[in-house]
Amino acid sequence: MKRFLERIKYYLSKLSFRTGVIILALCVLCYILSFAQMLLPISATAKSVLWFVLFGMAKTTQYAGLAIIGVEGWRRVKGWFKRVSNEE
């Protein structure tokens, strides 16, 4: 199992910073959809299943995106948001 996780980590580390940011954007979309589906006129069971699937996808994309961009990439993203907020 440890070897499998190492292979996944190695594969994700080869992906670009841009790919990681796109994955994190998908994460935000999945979070929005997981709560927005509560407004749909469907049964409570269907809402629960949709929430479980969408929230699970949001968490999966969150961790994958963070693994792709890494610590240095996360600093770049935070720095970008600081620059944008200072310009306003």
N, C-alpha and C. Protein backbone atom coordinates (compact mmCIF):
# COMPACT_ATOMS: atom_id res chain seq x y z
N MET A 1 0.83 -1.19 0.00
CA MET A 1 0.00 0.00 0.00
C MET A 1 0.87 1.26 0.00
N LYS A 2 1.96 1.21 0.77
CA LYS A 2 2.84 2.37 0.84
C LYS A 2 3.46 2.67 -0.51
N ARG A 3 3.84 1.63 -1.22
CA ARG A 3 4.43 1.80 -2.55
C ARG A 3 3.42 2.41 -3.52
N PHE A 4 2.18 1.99 -3.42
CA PHE A 4 1.12 2.53 -4.26
C PHE A 4 0.94 4.02 -4.02
N LEU A 5 0.91 4.44 -2.77
CA LEU A 5 0.77 5.85 -2.44
C LEU A 5 1.96 6.67 -2.93
N GLU A 6 3.16 6.09 -2.86
CA GLU A 6 4.35 6.77 -3.36
C GLU A 6 4.26 6.97 -4.87
N ARG A 7 3.73 5.98 -5.58
CA ARG A 7 3.58 6.11 -7.03
C ARG A 7 2.57 7.19 -7.38
N ILE A 8 1.49 7.27 -6.64
CA ILE A 8 0.49 8.32 -6.88
C ILE A 8 1.09 9.69 -6.61
N LYS A 9 1.81 9.82 -5.52
CA LYS A 9 2.45 11.09 -5.18
C LYS A 9 3.44 11.50 -6.26
N TYR A 10 4.22 10.56 -6.76
CA TYR A 10 5.19 10.85 -7.82
C TYR A 10 4.47 11.30 -9.10
N TYR A 11 3.39 10.63 -9.45
CA TYR A 11 2.62 10.98 -10.64
C TYR A 11 2.03 12.39 -10.52
N LEU A 12 1.45 12.70 -9.37
CA LEU A 12 0.86 14.03 -9.17
C LEU A 12 1.92 15.12 -9.18
N SER A 13 3.11 14.82 -8.68
CA SER A 13 4.15 15.84 -8.64
C SER A 13 4.67 16.19 -10.03
N LYS A 14 4.46 15.34 -11.01
CA LYS A 14 4.89 15.63 -12.37
C LYS A 14 3.94 16.57 -13.10
N LEU A 15 2.72 16.76 -12.58
CA LEU A 15 1.75 17.63 -13.22
C LEU A 15 2.10 19.10 -12.98
N SER A 16 1.64 19.97 -13.85
CA SER A 16 2.03 21.38 -13.78
C SER A 16 1.22 22.15 -12.74
N PHE A 17 1.74 23.32 -12.41
CA PHE A 17 1.08 24.23 -11.48
C PHE A 17 -0.30 24.61 -12.02
N ARG A 18 -0.37 24.87 -13.31
CA ARG A 18 -1.64 25.27 -13.93
C ARG A 18 -2.69 24.16 -13.77
N THR A 19 -2.28 22.93 -13.94
CA THR A 19 -3.20 21.81 -13.76
C THR A 19 -3.73 21.77 -12.33
N GLY A 20 -2.86 22.03 -11.36
CA GLY A 20 -3.28 22.06 -9.96
C GLY A 20 -4.30 23.15 -9.69
N VAL A 21 -4.10 24.32 -10.30
CA VAL A 21 -5.05 25.42 -10.11
C VAL A 21 -6.39 25.08 -10.75
N ILE A 22 -6.37 24.42 -11.90
CA ILE A 22 -7.62 24.01 -12.55
C ILE A 22 -8.36 23.00 -11.68
N ILE A 23 -7.64 22.07 -11.11
CA ILE A 23 -8.24 21.07 -10.22
C ILE A 23 -8.85 21.75 -8.99
N LEU A 24 -8.17 22.75 -8.44
CA LEU A 24 -8.72 23.48 -7.30
C LEU A 24 -9.96 24.27 -7.69
N ALA A 25 -10.03 24.78 -8.92
CA ALA A 25 -11.23 25.47 -9.39
C ALA A 25 -12.39 24.48 -9.50
N LEU A 26 -12.11 23.27 -9.94
CA LEU A 26 -13.14 22.23 -9.98
C LEU A 26 -13.61 21.89 -8.57
N CYS A 27 -12.71 21.95 -7.62
CA CYS A 27 -13.06 21.72 -6.22
C CYS A 27 -14.11 22.72 -5.76
N VAL A 28 -13.89 23.98 -6.07
CA VAL A 28 -14.83 25.03 -5.68
C VAL A 28 -16.19 24.79 -6.34
N LEU A 29 -16.18 24.41 -7.61
CA LEU A 29 -17.42 24.12 -8.32
C LEU A 29 -18.17 22.96 -7.67
N CYS A 30 -17.45 21.92 -7.28
CA CYS A 30 -18.10 20.77 -6.63
C CYS A 30 -18.69 21.15 -5.28
N TYR A 31 -18.00 22.01 -4.52
CA TYR A 31 -18.56 22.48 -3.25
C TYR A 31 -19.84 23.26 -3.48
N ILE A 32 -19.84 24.13 -4.46
CA ILE A 32 -21.04 24.92 -4.76
C ILE A 32 -22.19 24.01 -5.16
N LEU A 33 -21.92 23.06 -6.05
CA LEU A 33 -22.96 22.14 -6.50
C LEU A 33 -23.46 21.25 -5.37
N SER A 34 -22.59 20.86 -4.45
CA SER A 34 -23.01 19.97 -3.37
C SER A 34 -24.04 20.63 -2.46
N PHE A 35 -23.97 21.95 -2.32
CA PHE A 35 -24.96 22.62 -1.49
C PHE A 35 -26.10 23.22 -2.31
N ALA A 36 -25.85 23.57 -3.56
CA ALA A 36 -26.90 24.14 -4.41
C ALA A 36 -27.96 23.09 -4.77
N GLN A 37 -27.58 21.83 -4.81
CA GLN A 37 -28.55 20.79 -5.16
C GLN A 37 -29.66 20.66 -4.12
N MET A 38 -29.46 21.24 -2.94
CA MET A 38 -30.51 21.20 -1.91
C MET A 38 -31.75 21.98 -2.34
N LEU A 39 -31.60 22.88 -3.31
CA LEU A 39 -32.73 23.67 -3.80
C LEU A 39 -33.58 22.93 -4.82
N LEU A 40 -33.10 21.79 -5.30
CA LEU A 40 -33.84 21.02 -6.29
C LEU A 40 -35.08 20.37 -5.68
N PRO A 41 -36.17 20.31 -6.44
CA PRO A 41 -37.40 19.68 -5.92
C PRO A 41 -37.38 18.16 -6.10
N ILE A 42 -36.50 17.48 -5.38
CA ILE A 42 -36.41 16.03 -5.45
C ILE A 42 -36.48 15.47 -4.03
N SER A 43 -36.55 14.16 -3.93
CA SER A 43 -36.71 13.54 -2.61
C SER A 43 -35.47 13.75 -1.74
N ALA A 44 -35.67 13.58 -0.45
CA ALA A 44 -34.57 13.76 0.51
C ALA A 44 -33.49 12.70 0.31
N THR A 45 -33.89 11.51 -0.10
CA THR A 45 -32.92 10.45 -0.35
C THR A 45 -32.02 10.82 -1.53
N ALA A 46 -32.63 11.30 -2.59
CA ALA A 46 -31.85 11.70 -3.77
C ALA A 46 -30.92 12.86 -3.43
N LYS A 47 -31.40 13.80 -2.63
CA LYS A 47 -30.57 14.93 -2.21
C LYS A 47 -29.37 14.44 -1.39
N SER A 48 -29.61 13.48 -0.53
CA SER A 48 -28.53 12.94 0.29
C SER A 48 -27.48 12.24 -0.55
N VAL A 49 -27.92 11.47 -1.52
CA VAL A 49 -26.98 10.78 -2.40
C VAL A 49 -26.18 11.79 -3.22
N LEU A 50 -26.87 12.79 -3.78
CA LEU A 50 -26.18 13.82 -4.55
C LEU A 50 -25.17 14.56 -3.69
N TRP A 51 -25.56 14.90 -2.47
CA TRP A 51 -24.65 15.62 -1.60
C TRP A 51 -23.43 14.77 -1.29
N PHE A 52 -23.64 13.50 -0.99
CA PHE A 52 -22.54 12.60 -0.68
C PHE A 52 -21.56 12.50 -1.84
N VAL A 53 -22.07 12.33 -3.05
CA VAL A 53 -21.21 12.19 -4.23
C VAL A 53 -20.48 13.49 -4.53
N LEU A 54 -21.21 14.61 -4.55
CA LEU A 54 -20.60 15.90 -4.90
C LEU A 54 -19.61 16.36 -3.83
N PHE A 55 -19.94 16.17 -2.56
CA PHE A 55 -19.03 16.56 -1.50
C PHE A 55 -17.77 15.69 -1.51
N GLY A 56 -17.95 14.41 -1.81
CA GLY A 56 -16.80 13.51 -1.94
C GLY A 56 -15.90 13.92 -3.09
N MET A 57 -16.51 14.32 -4.22
CA MET A 57 -15.71 14.80 -5.35
C MET A 57 -14.99 16.08 -4.99
N ALA A 58 -15.64 16.96 -4.22
CA ALA A 58 -15.01 18.21 -3.81
C ALA A 58 -13.78 17.93 -2.95
N LYS A 59 -13.91 17.05 -1.99
CA LYS A 59 -12.77 16.72 -1.13
C LYS A 59 -11.64 16.05 -1.92
N THR A 60 -12.00 15.15 -2.83
CA THR A 60 -11.00 14.46 -3.63
C THR A 60 -10.23 15.45 -4.49
N THR A 61 -10.95 16.36 -5.17
CA THR A 61 -10.27 17.34 -6.01
C THR A 61 -9.47 18.32 -5.17
N GLN A 62 -9.94 18.62 -3.97
CA GLN A 62 -9.20 19.53 -3.08
C GLN A 62 -7.84 18.94 -2.74
N TYR A 63 -7.82 17.72 -2.28
CA TYR A 63 -6.56 17.10 -1.88
C TYR A 63 -5.65 16.83 -3.08
N ALA A 64 -6.24 16.46 -4.22
CA ALA A 64 -5.43 16.24 -5.42
C ALA A 64 -4.82 17.56 -5.89
N GLY A 65 -5.60 18.63 -5.90
CA GLY A 65 -5.08 19.92 -6.32
C GLY A 65 -3.98 20.42 -5.42
N LEU A 66 -4.15 20.25 -4.12
CA LEU A 66 -3.10 20.67 -3.19
C LEU A 66 -1.85 19.82 -3.34
N ALA A 67 -2.02 18.54 -3.63
CA ALA A 67 -0.86 17.68 -3.84
C ALA A 67 -0.12 18.06 -5.12
N ILE A 68 -0.85 18.51 -6.12
CA ILE A 68 -0.23 18.88 -7.39
C ILE A 68 0.56 20.18 -7.24
N ILE A 69 -0.06 21.20 -6.64
CA ILE A 69 0.64 22.49 -6.59
C ILE A 69 1.72 22.51 -5.52
N GLY A 70 1.56 21.75 -4.47
CA GLY A 70 2.58 21.67 -3.43
C GLY A 70 2.65 22.93 -2.58
N VAL A 71 3.65 22.99 -1.72
CA VAL A 71 3.81 24.10 -0.78
C VAL A 71 4.17 25.39 -1.51
N GLU A 72 5.11 25.31 -2.43
CA GLU A 72 5.54 26.51 -3.15
C GLU A 72 4.41 27.06 -4.02
N GLY A 73 3.66 26.19 -4.63
CA GLY A 73 2.53 26.62 -5.44
C GLY A 73 1.46 27.29 -4.60
N TRP A 74 1.22 26.74 -3.40
CA TRP A 74 0.23 27.34 -2.51
C TRP A 74 0.66 28.75 -2.11
N ARG A 75 1.96 28.94 -1.90
CA ARG A 75 2.46 30.29 -1.60
C ARG A 75 2.24 31.23 -2.78
N ARG A 76 2.41 30.72 -4.00
CA ARG A 76 2.15 31.54 -5.19
C ARG A 76 0.69 31.95 -5.27
N VAL A 77 -0.21 31.02 -4.99
CA VAL A 77 -1.65 31.32 -5.04
C VAL A 77 -2.01 32.36 -3.98
N LYS A 78 -1.51 32.18 -2.76
CA LYS A 78 -1.79 33.15 -1.69
C LYS A 78 -1.21 34.52 -2.03
N GLY A 79 -0.01 34.55 -2.60
CA GLY A 79 0.59 35.82 -3.00
C GLY A 79 -0.22 36.52 -4.07
N TRP A 80 -0.77 35.76 -4.99
CA TRP A 80 -1.62 36.35 -6.04
C TRP A 80 -2.85 37.00 -5.43
N PHE A 81 -3.50 36.31 -4.47
CA PHE A 81 -4.68 36.88 -3.84
C PHE A 81 -4.32 38.13 -3.02
N LYS A 82 -3.17 38.14 -2.40
CA LYS A 82 -2.74 39.33 -1.64
C LYS A 82 -2.51 40.51 -2.57
N ARG A 83 -1.88 40.27 -3.73
CA ARG A 83 -1.64 41.35 -4.68
C ARG A 83 -2.95 41.91 -5.22
N VAL A 84 -3.89 41.02 -5.51
CA VAL A 84 -5.19 41.47 -6.04
C VAL A 84 -5.93 42.30 -5.00
N SER A 85 -5.91 41.89 -3.75
CA SER A 85 -6.63 42.63 -2.70
C SER A 85 -5.95 43.96 -2.40
N ASN A 86 -4.62 44.06 -2.54
CA ASN A 86 -3.91 45.31 -2.31
C ASN A 86 -4.14 46.32 -3.43
N GLU A 87 -4.42 45.86 -4.63
CA GLU A 87 -4.64 46.76 -5.76
C GLU A 87 -5.99 47.46 -5.67
N GLU A 88 -6.93 46.88 -4.95
CA GLU A 88 -8.28 47.47 -4.87
C GLU A 88 -8.36 48.58 -3.89
